[in-house]
Amino acid sequence: MDDRDAALMRAHEHATAWLDSLGTRPVPPQATVDDVVAALGTDLPDGPTAAPQVVDLLATACGPGLTAMPSGRFYGMVIGGSHPAALAADWLTSAWDQNSALRTVTPAHTAVEDVTSAWLLDLLGLPASAAVGFVTGATTANFTCLAAARGEVLHRVGWDVRHDGLTGAPHVRVLVGAERHESVDLALSYLGLGAPEVVAVDDQGRIDVPALADALAGAPVPGTPTVVVLQAGNVHSGAFDPFAAAVEVAHRHGAWVHVDGAFGLFAAASPTYRHLVAGYETADSWATDAHKTLNVPYDCGLAIVADPVPLRAAMGMHGDYLIQSDAGDPLDKVPELSRRGRAFPVWAVLRALGRSGVADLVDGFCRHAAAFADGLRGIDGAQVLHDVVFTQVCASFGTDERTRDVVARVLADGTAWMSGSRWHDRAVLRVSVSSWATTDADVRASLGALARASAV
C-alpha cells in the first residue's frame, strides 16, 4: 500500500505540473520519438522497479514529447481539452476499475450511464426512447450505428445478417455526401459493405438534396436495402447538411438515415446554433464524440440509435457465465464486452456545466472561430475560404507552397498548433476550436503567431 500511495502521489505531482505548464509551454512537442525512446531505455529490466520510480521515469522521459493538446491554443484537430470535473472523474474511473458491461455487476456505473444517457438525449433534442452506447470515439460510434442500420435494412427484406452473414445477402446501398469524413468509409469497410455511392455537395460541403433524391430514385433494383449518411459539421467548413429535406426524401425511399456528428451534434445544445441541426431528430441514428465538443478525456464516443431493437440485434451477446439483466445491459449497445466506465466523466462534465454551461461552451467555440476568421481577413494575403458557421475555419495564403510555408512557420513558432490540410484541391490552414480552455487572449496570441508566420 505504501508503494501504491507513493506512486499515486508522484503521478498527481507530475500531472499537476503538466497542467500548470500548459499556459506557457510551446504547443508542439519538443522531443522526437527517438528522443523519448532513448530517455525511457530499451532494455527490459531483469528485476522489479518501485512504482514511484516507474512513474517518475515515465513522466520525465515523456514530458518533452507531449503535445499540449489540452492547451487553449491547440487547434490542429477537433480535440477538446479535459474539463476539470471530467478529468477528476476520469481519475476516479481508473481507480474504481469497473468493467462496465453488465447492469447488475456494476450498478454504480449503470446508474450513471442511465442518467447520463437521458440527459444527453434531452440536451440534444433526440428521442427519449433512443439507446445510447458509450464507445471509444466517433469512428466506433459510426461503426456501431451503421451495424444497426445494416442489420435492420436487411431484416426488412427478410435477411438475418447475424445468422447468415453477408455471403449471398442482398446488396446494401450506402449513399454519402462527397465530403463525408473518412471514418464513415472505414466503418463501412469494417462492416463488409464496401465503398459507398457518392452524392454531390455544394461549395460548403453540404449534401445536395435533389442529387440525393435522384440517386435514391435511381436504385438499380427497386426496394434495395439503403442507408443514407448525413453530416453534422464538415471537418473543413463546419457546414451542416440540410437535415429536414434530406431525411424526408431518404425516408420516402425507405432508407435508414445516419448522422455523423463527431463534433457538430452538440450544436443542438445551443439555442443560438440549434437551427443548424433542424430536422436531424427525425433520423434513425447519430454518432458523436464526448472527447471533442463536450471536453471529456480520451476516449469517449456516443452511438445513439432511435430504435434500440436493431442496435441490440447488432451488438448484443450472451454468455452462460455472464450475469445478465432482463432490463438489458450496457454491452447490448456497444461492440466491446470489456470497457471502462466512460459514463462517469460524461456525467461529471454535464453535472458541472448544466444546460446553460454546455450552451455557453458551444457558443464560446463559435465566437472564437468567428474571431479567427475576422483576424485572418486582416492578415495580408490570407483568404477565409468558406462561410464560418460553427467551429471550423480554413484559410489560404495564396499558393499552395505559400500556405504550407505559413503552416510550418506557425508550428515552428510554438505559440499555437494549427494543422495544414487540403480542401477543394488546394492547401489550407485549418483552425478547429474545441477546447473549454481557449480564451480571448489565446486567440489573440494565436493570431499574432499567424501574422508573424505570414509576414516572413
Protein backbone atom coordinates (compact mmCIF):
# COMPACT_ATOMS: atom_id res chain seq x y z
CA MET A 1 0.00 0.00 0.00
CA ASP A 2 2.90 2.39 0.73
CA ASP A 3 4.21 1.82 -2.81
CA ARG A 4 0.74 2.44 -4.24
CA ASP A 5 0.18 5.66 -2.30
CA ALA A 6 3.62 6.99 -3.18
CA ALA A 7 3.09 6.19 -6.86
CA LEU A 8 -0.27 7.95 -6.88
CA MET A 9 1.24 10.96 -5.13
CA ARG A 10 4.02 11.18 -7.71
CA ALA A 11 1.50 10.82 -10.54
CA HIS A 12 -0.56 13.65 -9.03
CA GLU A 13 2.51 15.88 -8.79
CA HIS A 14 3.55 15.19 -12.37
CA ALA A 15 0.00 15.66 -13.65
CA THR A 16 -0.37 18.97 -11.84
CA ALA A 17 2.99 20.19 -13.14
CA TRP A 18 1.92 19.24 -16.70
CA LEU A 19 -1.39 21.06 -16.41
CA ASP A 20 0.27 24.12 -14.87
CA SER A 21 2.72 24.27 -17.79
CA LEU A 22 0.04 24.44 -20.48
CA GLY A 23 -0.28 28.22 -20.38
CA THR A 24 3.35 28.88 -21.23
CA ARG A 25 4.89 25.78 -22.84
CA PRO A 26 5.21 25.50 -26.63
CA VAL A 27 2.22 23.66 -28.03
CA PRO A 28 4.17 21.35 -30.40
CA PRO A 29 6.28 18.59 -28.80
CA GLN A 30 9.90 19.41 -28.10
CA ALA A 31 11.27 15.87 -28.50
CA THR A 32 11.17 13.22 -31.21
CA VAL A 33 10.11 9.59 -30.88
CA ASP A 34 13.79 8.60 -30.84
CA ASP A 35 14.49 11.10 -28.06
CA VAL A 36 11.74 9.64 -25.88
CA VAL A 37 12.84 6.05 -26.60
CA ALA A 38 16.38 6.94 -25.55
CA ALA A 39 15.14 8.55 -22.33
CA LEU A 40 12.96 5.55 -21.48
CA GLY A 41 15.64 2.99 -22.27
CA THR A 42 15.12 -0.04 -24.45
CA ASP A 43 16.23 -2.92 -22.22
CA LEU A 44 13.57 -4.65 -20.13
CA PRO A 45 14.95 -4.84 -16.57
CA ASP A 46 15.65 -8.27 -15.13
CA GLY A 47 14.03 -7.37 -11.85
CA PRO A 48 11.26 -5.15 -10.48
CA THR A 49 11.34 -1.36 -10.16
CA ALA A 50 9.48 0.51 -7.43
CA ALA A 51 6.22 2.00 -8.70
CA PRO A 52 7.11 5.62 -7.75
CA GLN A 53 10.34 5.34 -9.74
CA VAL A 54 8.43 3.97 -12.73
CA VAL A 55 6.05 6.95 -12.60
CA ASP A 56 8.96 9.39 -12.34
CA LEU A 57 10.74 7.84 -15.32
CA LEU A 58 7.62 7.81 -17.46
CA ALA A 59 6.77 11.45 -16.73
CA THR A 60 10.34 12.69 -17.13
CA ALA A 61 11.04 10.80 -20.35
CA CYS A 62 7.70 11.57 -21.99
CA GLY A 63 7.28 15.20 -20.91
CA PRO A 64 9.26 16.77 -23.78
CA GLY A 65 7.46 14.54 -26.29
CA LEU A 66 3.96 15.61 -25.26
CA THR A 67 1.86 17.86 -27.46
CA ALA A 68 -0.06 20.44 -25.44
CA MET A 69 -3.41 19.21 -26.73
CA PRO A 70 -5.28 20.30 -23.56
CA SER A 71 -3.95 23.84 -24.11
CA GLY A 72 -6.28 26.61 -25.16
CA ARG A 73 -4.00 27.15 -28.17
CA PHE A 74 -4.31 23.74 -29.80
CA TYR A 75 -6.49 23.96 -32.93
CA GLY A 76 -4.90 21.27 -35.07
CA MET A 77 -7.68 18.71 -34.87
CA VAL A 78 -11.08 18.71 -33.23
CA ILE A 79 -9.71 17.82 -29.81
CA GLY A 80 -11.32 19.16 -26.66
CA GLY A 81 -9.29 19.76 -23.53
CA SER A 82 -10.25 17.88 -20.38
CA HIS A 83 -12.74 19.82 -18.27
CA PRO A 84 -11.63 19.74 -14.61
CA ALA A 85 -14.71 17.84 -13.41
CA ALA A 86 -14.38 15.29 -16.21
CA LEU A 87 -10.64 14.88 -15.64
CA ALA A 88 -11.11 14.26 -11.93
CA ALA A 89 -13.93 11.80 -12.63
CA ASP A 90 -11.69 10.01 -15.11
CA TRP A 91 -9.05 9.55 -12.41
CA LEU A 92 -11.75 8.00 -10.22
CA THR A 93 -12.82 5.83 -13.14
CA SER A 94 -9.33 4.36 -13.35
CA ALA A 95 -9.12 3.89 -9.59
CA TRP A 96 -12.54 2.23 -9.42
CA ASP A 97 -11.54 -0.01 -12.36
CA GLN A 98 -15.04 -1.17 -13.24
CA ASN A 99 -15.69 -3.35 -16.30
CA SER A 100 -18.99 -1.69 -17.06
CA ALA A 101 -20.53 -4.27 -19.38
CA LEU A 102 -23.25 -5.67 -17.10
CA ARG A 103 -26.09 -3.84 -15.35
CA THR A 104 -26.23 -5.84 -12.14
CA VAL A 105 -22.48 -6.39 -11.75
CA THR A 106 -21.61 -2.68 -11.87
CA PRO A 107 -24.76 -0.92 -10.63
CA ALA A 108 -22.94 2.34 -9.91
CA HIS A 109 -21.81 2.80 -13.50
CA THR A 110 -25.10 1.53 -14.92
CA ALA A 111 -27.00 4.10 -12.87
CA VAL A 112 -24.68 6.88 -14.04
CA GLU A 113 -24.96 5.66 -17.64
CA ASP A 114 -28.77 5.64 -17.44
CA VAL A 115 -28.89 9.16 -16.02
CA THR A 116 -26.27 10.50 -18.41
CA SER A 117 -27.98 8.94 -21.45
CA ALA A 118 -31.26 10.63 -20.52
CA TRP A 119 -29.50 13.96 -20.04
CA LEU A 120 -27.75 13.68 -23.41
CA LEU A 121 -30.92 12.84 -25.32
CA ASP A 122 -32.73 15.74 -23.68
CA LEU A 123 -29.86 18.15 -24.31
CA LEU A 124 -29.58 17.13 -27.96
CA GLY A 125 -33.33 17.07 -28.60
CA LEU A 126 -33.29 13.42 -29.64
CA PRO A 127 -36.00 10.81 -28.91
CA ALA A 128 -36.12 9.96 -25.21
CA SER A 129 -36.56 6.28 -26.05
CA ALA A 130 -33.31 6.11 -28.07
CA ALA A 131 -30.48 3.82 -26.96
CA VAL A 132 -27.10 5.37 -26.14
CA GLY A 133 -23.88 3.36 -26.31
CA PHE A 134 -20.64 4.70 -24.81
CA VAL A 135 -17.83 3.72 -27.19
CA THR A 136 -14.26 4.79 -27.90
CA GLY A 137 -14.92 7.60 -30.37
CA ALA A 138 -16.84 8.75 -33.41
CA THR A 139 -15.28 6.12 -35.68
CA THR A 140 -16.58 3.34 -33.44
CA ALA A 141 -19.85 5.21 -32.96
CA ASN A 142 -20.32 5.32 -36.75
CA PHE A 143 -19.47 1.62 -36.93
CA THR A 144 -21.97 0.78 -34.17
CA CYS A 145 -24.82 2.78 -35.67
CA LEU A 146 -24.14 1.54 -39.20
CA ALA A 147 -24.07 -2.05 -37.94
CA ALA A 148 -27.58 -1.48 -36.58
CA ALA A 149 -28.56 0.10 -39.91
CA ARG A 150 -27.13 -2.80 -41.92
CA GLY A 151 -29.00 -5.38 -39.84
CA GLU A 152 -32.28 -3.51 -39.96
CA VAL A 153 -32.40 -2.75 -43.70
CA LEU A 154 -31.53 -6.37 -44.46
CA HIS A 155 -34.12 -7.59 -41.94
CA ARG A 156 -36.77 -5.61 -43.82
CA VAL A 157 -36.11 -7.72 -46.92
CA GLY A 158 -36.02 -10.98 -45.00
CA TRP A 159 -32.29 -11.45 -44.45
CA ASP A 160 -30.78 -12.19 -40.99
CA VAL A 161 -27.20 -10.92 -41.21
CA ARG A 162 -26.41 -12.01 -37.68
CA HIS A 163 -27.24 -15.63 -38.51
CA ASP A 164 -26.47 -15.85 -42.21
CA GLY A 165 -23.68 -13.32 -42.67
CA LEU A 166 -23.24 -11.30 -45.85
CA THR A 167 -22.42 -14.08 -48.33
CA GLY A 168 -25.41 -14.24 -50.62
CA ALA A 169 -27.15 -11.30 -48.92
CA PRO A 170 -28.97 -8.63 -50.90
CA HIS A 171 -26.74 -5.69 -51.79
CA VAL A 172 -26.92 -2.79 -49.33
CA ARG A 173 -26.62 0.64 -50.93
CA VAL A 174 -24.94 3.33 -48.83
CA LEU A 175 -25.22 6.92 -50.06
CA VAL A 176 -22.88 9.59 -48.65
CA GLY A 177 -22.01 13.18 -49.39
CA ALA A 178 -18.80 13.81 -51.33
CA GLU A 179 -17.27 15.48 -48.27
CA ARG A 180 -18.18 12.96 -45.57
CA HIS A 181 -15.49 12.14 -43.03
CA GLU A 182 -13.25 9.21 -43.98
CA SER A 183 -14.24 7.38 -40.77
CA VAL A 184 -17.59 6.65 -42.42
CA ASP A 185 -15.87 4.78 -45.24
CA LEU A 186 -13.73 2.96 -42.69
CA ALA A 187 -16.80 1.84 -40.75
CA LEU A 188 -18.43 0.62 -43.96
CA SER A 189 -15.28 -1.34 -44.76
CA TYR A 190 -15.35 -2.95 -41.31
CA LEU A 191 -18.96 -3.92 -41.93
CA GLY A 192 -18.26 -5.54 -45.29
CA LEU A 193 -20.40 -3.02 -47.16
CA GLY A 194 -17.66 -1.75 -49.44
CA ALA A 195 -17.28 1.72 -50.90
CA PRO A 196 -20.33 4.00 -50.68
CA GLU A 197 -22.10 5.77 -53.51
CA VAL A 198 -21.09 9.43 -53.52
CA VAL A 199 -23.66 12.23 -53.81
CA ALA A 200 -22.74 15.76 -54.89
CA VAL A 201 -22.36 18.57 -52.35
CA ASP A 202 -22.39 22.35 -52.57
CA ASP A 203 -19.39 24.66 -52.19
CA GLN A 204 -19.66 24.46 -48.38
CA GLY A 205 -19.72 20.65 -48.35
CA ARG A 206 -23.48 20.24 -47.72
CA ILE A 207 -25.20 17.36 -49.45
CA ASP A 208 -27.29 18.33 -52.48
CA VAL A 209 -30.83 17.14 -51.73
CA PRO A 210 -32.06 16.99 -55.37
CA ALA A 211 -28.96 14.93 -56.22
CA LEU A 212 -29.71 12.67 -53.24
CA ALA A 213 -33.30 12.27 -54.44
CA ASP A 214 -32.13 11.37 -57.94
CA ALA A 215 -29.66 8.83 -56.57
CA LEU A 216 -32.32 7.22 -54.37
CA ALA A 217 -34.80 7.10 -57.26
CA GLY A 218 -32.16 5.52 -59.49
CA ALA A 219 -31.75 2.33 -57.46
CA PRO A 220 -30.86 -0.47 -59.89
CA VAL A 221 -33.34 -2.75 -58.14
CA PRO A 222 -36.49 -1.31 -56.51
CA GLY A 223 -36.60 -1.97 -52.78
CA THR A 224 -32.82 -2.35 -52.45
CA PRO A 225 -31.81 -2.03 -48.77
CA THR A 226 -30.45 1.50 -48.43
CA VAL A 227 -28.60 3.60 -45.89
CA VAL A 228 -28.03 7.37 -46.20
CA VAL A 229 -25.26 9.02 -44.18
CA LEU A 230 -25.58 12.75 -43.44
CA GLN A 231 -23.15 15.06 -41.70
CA ALA A 232 -23.38 17.49 -38.77
CA GLY A 233 -20.23 19.57 -39.08
CA ASN A 234 -17.99 19.37 -42.13
CA VAL A 235 -14.42 18.82 -40.97
CA HIS A 236 -13.20 21.78 -43.06
CA SER A 237 -16.06 24.27 -43.34
CA GLY A 238 -18.10 23.24 -40.29
CA ALA A 239 -21.20 23.15 -42.54
CA PHE A 240 -24.27 21.04 -41.75
CA ASP A 241 -26.35 19.05 -44.21
CA PRO A 242 -29.97 20.21 -44.72
CA PHE A 243 -31.40 17.54 -42.46
CA ALA A 244 -35.14 18.11 -42.70
CA ALA A 245 -35.24 17.83 -46.50
CA ALA A 246 -32.58 15.11 -46.76
CA VAL A 247 -34.13 12.87 -44.10
CA GLU A 248 -37.58 13.26 -45.62
CA VAL A 249 -36.50 12.20 -49.09
CA ALA A 250 -34.42 9.33 -47.71
CA HIS A 251 -37.27 8.00 -45.59
CA ARG A 252 -39.64 8.35 -48.53
CA HIS A 253 -37.42 5.83 -50.32
CA GLY A 254 -37.29 3.51 -47.31
CA ALA A 255 -33.70 4.31 -46.34
CA TRP A 256 -32.19 4.29 -42.87
CA VAL A 257 -30.64 7.71 -42.14
CA HIS A 258 -27.49 8.00 -40.04
CA VAL A 259 -25.98 11.33 -38.94
CA ASP A 260 -22.23 11.57 -38.43
CA GLY A 261 -21.85 14.43 -35.97
CA ALA A 262 -18.45 13.89 -34.38
CA PHE A 263 -18.26 17.50 -33.17
CA GLY A 264 -21.29 19.15 -34.72
CA LEU A 265 -24.04 17.20 -32.98
CA PHE A 266 -23.69 19.43 -29.92
CA ALA A 267 -24.89 22.43 -31.91
CA ALA A 268 -28.29 21.16 -30.76
CA ALA A 269 -27.35 22.04 -27.17
CA SER A 270 -27.10 25.75 -28.01
CA PRO A 271 -30.24 27.85 -28.62
CA THR A 272 -28.05 30.07 -30.82
CA TYR A 273 -26.85 27.27 -33.11
CA ARG A 274 -29.66 24.71 -32.85
CA HIS A 275 -31.00 25.83 -36.22
CA LEU A 276 -28.01 24.12 -37.84
CA VAL A 277 -29.42 20.70 -36.96
CA ALA A 278 -33.10 21.43 -37.60
CA GLY A 279 -34.84 18.20 -38.60
CA TYR A 280 -31.97 15.91 -37.61
CA GLU A 281 -34.02 14.39 -34.81
CA THR A 282 -36.08 12.54 -37.44
CA ALA A 283 -33.05 10.45 -38.49
CA ASP A 284 -32.53 6.87 -37.29
CA SER A 285 -29.09 7.09 -35.67
CA TRP A 286 -26.44 9.60 -34.67
CA ALA A 287 -22.73 9.43 -33.82
CA THR A 288 -20.66 11.93 -31.87
CA ASP A 289 -17.62 12.30 -29.61
CA ALA A 290 -17.74 13.38 -26.00
CA HIS A 291 -13.98 13.97 -26.11
CA LYS A 292 -14.48 16.68 -28.71
CA THR A 293 -17.09 19.36 -28.05
CA LEU A 294 -18.03 18.09 -24.58
CA ASN A 295 -14.38 18.09 -23.42
CA VAL A 296 -14.11 14.81 -21.53
CA PRO A 297 -10.74 13.00 -21.55
CA TYR A 298 -9.93 10.49 -24.25
CA ASP A 299 -11.51 8.20 -25.14
CA CYS A 300 -15.29 8.55 -25.34
CA GLY A 301 -17.73 8.41 -28.23
CA LEU A 302 -21.52 8.15 -28.28
CA ALA A 303 -23.54 5.88 -30.56
CA ILE A 304 -27.24 6.81 -30.47
CA VAL A 305 -29.95 4.76 -32.18
CA ALA A 306 -33.60 5.79 -32.17
CA ASP A 307 -34.93 2.23 -32.05
CA PRO A 308 -33.00 0.13 -29.51
CA VAL A 309 -34.07 -3.16 -31.13
CA PRO A 310 -31.77 -3.05 -34.21
CA LEU A 311 -28.89 -1.87 -32.03
CA ARG A 312 -29.29 -4.78 -29.61
CA ALA A 313 -29.69 -7.16 -32.54
CA ALA A 314 -26.35 -5.98 -33.94
CA MET A 315 -24.35 -5.64 -30.72
CA GLY A 316 -25.94 -7.88 -28.08
CA MET A 317 -24.41 -11.16 -26.95
CA HIS A 318 -24.97 -13.85 -24.33
CA GLY A 319 -22.63 -16.00 -22.31
CA ASP A 320 -23.70 -18.52 -19.70
CA TYR A 321 -21.16 -17.12 -17.26
CA LEU A 322 -22.50 -13.56 -17.62
CA ILE A 323 -24.94 -12.24 -15.03
CA GLN A 324 -27.32 -10.55 -17.43
CA SER A 325 -30.35 -8.41 -16.70
CA ASP A 326 -33.83 -8.70 -18.16
CA ALA A 327 -33.75 -4.90 -18.42
CA GLY A 328 -30.85 -5.10 -20.88
CA ASP A 329 -27.17 -4.46 -20.34
CA PRO A 330 -24.69 -1.81 -21.49
CA LEU A 331 -22.90 -4.47 -23.55
CA ASP A 332 -26.03 -4.74 -25.72
CA LYS A 333 -25.29 -1.30 -27.18
CA VAL A 334 -21.56 -1.40 -27.94
CA PRO A 335 -19.01 -3.60 -29.75
CA GLU A 336 -16.97 -4.21 -26.61
CA LEU A 337 -17.54 -6.64 -23.79
CA SER A 338 -14.71 -5.26 -21.66
CA ARG A 339 -14.86 -1.48 -21.36
CA ARG A 340 -14.03 1.23 -18.87
CA GLY A 341 -16.72 3.32 -17.20
CA ARG A 342 -16.94 6.06 -19.82
CA ALA A 343 -20.21 7.45 -18.47
CA PHE A 344 -18.54 8.68 -15.26
CA PRO A 345 -16.62 11.63 -16.81
CA VAL A 346 -19.52 12.46 -19.17
CA TRP A 347 -21.88 12.68 -16.21
CA ALA A 348 -19.33 14.84 -14.37
CA VAL A 349 -18.96 17.43 -17.12
CA LEU A 350 -22.73 17.62 -17.69
CA ARG A 351 -23.36 17.99 -13.96
CA ALA A 352 -20.64 20.64 -13.67
CA LEU A 353 -21.79 22.70 -16.66
CA GLY A 354 -25.53 22.22 -16.61
CA ARG A 355 -27.72 23.00 -19.59
CA SER A 356 -26.66 26.65 -19.83
CA GLY A 357 -22.99 25.79 -19.38
CA VAL A 358 -22.98 23.38 -22.31
CA ALA A 359 -24.67 26.03 -24.45
CA ASP A 360 -22.07 28.59 -23.34
CA LEU A 361 -19.31 26.12 -24.20
CA VAL A 362 -20.60 25.69 -27.76
CA ASP A 363 -21.24 29.41 -28.17
CA GLY A 364 -17.72 30.18 -26.97
CA PHE A 365 -16.16 27.87 -29.54
CA CYS A 366 -18.15 29.54 -32.30
CA ARG A 367 -17.27 33.03 -31.04
CA HIS A 368 -13.57 32.18 -31.08
CA ALA A 369 -13.86 30.69 -34.58
CA ALA A 370 -15.51 33.89 -35.80
CA ALA A 371 -12.69 35.90 -34.20
CA PHE A 372 -10.14 33.75 -36.01
CA ALA A 373 -11.92 34.37 -39.31
CA ASP A 374 -12.03 38.13 -38.69
CA GLY A 375 -8.37 38.15 -37.69
CA LEU A 376 -7.32 36.15 -40.73
CA ARG A 377 -9.14 38.55 -43.04
CA GLY A 378 -6.94 41.30 -41.62
CA ILE A 379 -3.69 39.48 -42.49
CA ASP A 380 -2.26 40.45 -45.84
CA GLY A 381 -2.61 37.63 -48.36
CA ALA A 382 -4.90 35.47 -46.22
CA GLN A 383 -8.30 34.35 -47.51
CA VAL A 384 -11.00 32.58 -45.50
CA LEU A 385 -12.43 30.00 -47.89
CA HIS A 386 -15.96 29.39 -46.60
CA ASP A 387 -18.84 30.70 -44.55
CA VAL A 388 -17.82 30.35 -40.90
CA VAL A 389 -20.96 28.87 -39.36
CA PHE A 390 -19.63 26.82 -36.47
CA THR A 391 -16.18 25.99 -35.06
CA GLN A 392 -14.04 25.41 -38.19
CA VAL A 393 -12.02 27.92 -40.17
CA CYS A 394 -10.00 27.16 -43.31
CA ALA A 395 -7.80 29.75 -44.96
CA SER A 396 -5.36 30.04 -47.83
CA PHE A 397 -2.34 32.32 -48.11
CA GLY A 398 -2.25 32.31 -51.90
CA THR A 399 -0.32 29.49 -53.48
CA ASP A 400 -0.17 26.01 -52.00
CA GLU A 401 3.55 26.47 -51.37
CA ARG A 402 2.95 29.72 -49.50
CA THR A 403 0.15 28.22 -47.41
CA ARG A 404 2.24 25.20 -46.44
CA ASP A 405 5.10 27.53 -45.53
CA VAL A 406 2.87 29.58 -43.21
CA VAL A 407 1.63 26.40 -41.51
CA ALA A 408 5.22 25.23 -40.97
CA ARG A 409 6.25 28.62 -39.56
CA VAL A 410 3.31 28.68 -37.15
CA LEU A 411 4.26 25.27 -35.79
CA ALA A 412 7.91 26.30 -35.50
CA ASP A 413 6.85 29.41 -33.58
CA GLY A 414 5.28 27.15 -30.93
CA THR A 415 2.59 29.58 -29.73
CA ALA A 416 -0.22 27.54 -31.25
CA TRP A 417 -0.88 24.39 -33.23
CA MET A 418 -2.83 24.80 -36.46
CA SER A 419 -2.76 21.98 -38.97
CA GLY A 420 -2.42 22.09 -42.68
CA SER A 421 -4.96 20.21 -44.77
CA ARG A 422 -6.24 20.02 -48.33
CA TRP A 423 -9.72 21.17 -49.30
CA HIS A 424 -11.23 21.84 -52.74
CA ASP A 425 -7.91 20.79 -54.29
CA ARG A 426 -5.83 23.42 -52.54
CA ALA A 427 -3.61 23.57 -49.47
CA VAL A 428 -5.27 25.21 -46.48
CA LEU A 429 -4.52 26.22 -42.94
CA ARG A 430 -7.22 24.68 -40.73
CA VAL A 431 -8.30 26.00 -37.34
CA SER A 432 -10.58 23.86 -35.16
CA VAL A 433 -11.79 25.47 -31.94
CA SER A 434 -12.95 22.89 -29.42
CA SER A 435 -11.27 23.39 -26.04
CA TRP A 436 -13.01 24.78 -22.97
CA ALA A 437 -9.61 26.29 -22.05
CA THR A 438 -9.38 28.62 -25.08
CA THR A 439 -9.63 32.28 -24.08
CA ASP A 440 -9.82 35.55 -25.98
CA ALA A 441 -6.16 36.05 -25.08
CA ASP A 442 -5.31 32.65 -26.59
CA VAL A 443 -6.99 33.65 -29.84
CA ARG A 444 -5.14 36.98 -29.92
CA ALA A 445 -1.80 35.28 -29.26
CA SER A 446 -2.50 32.69 -31.93
CA LEU A 447 -3.45 35.32 -34.48
CA GLY A 448 -0.23 37.12 -33.62
CA ALA A 449 1.69 33.94 -34.39
CA LEU A 450 -0.13 33.69 -37.71
CA ALA A 451 0.69 37.30 -38.56
CA ARG A 452 4.38 36.68 -37.79
CA ALA A 453 4.39 33.50 -39.85
CA SER A 454 2.80 35.16 -42.87
CA ALA A 455 4.99 38.28 -42.72
CA VAL A 456 8.24 36.38 -43.37
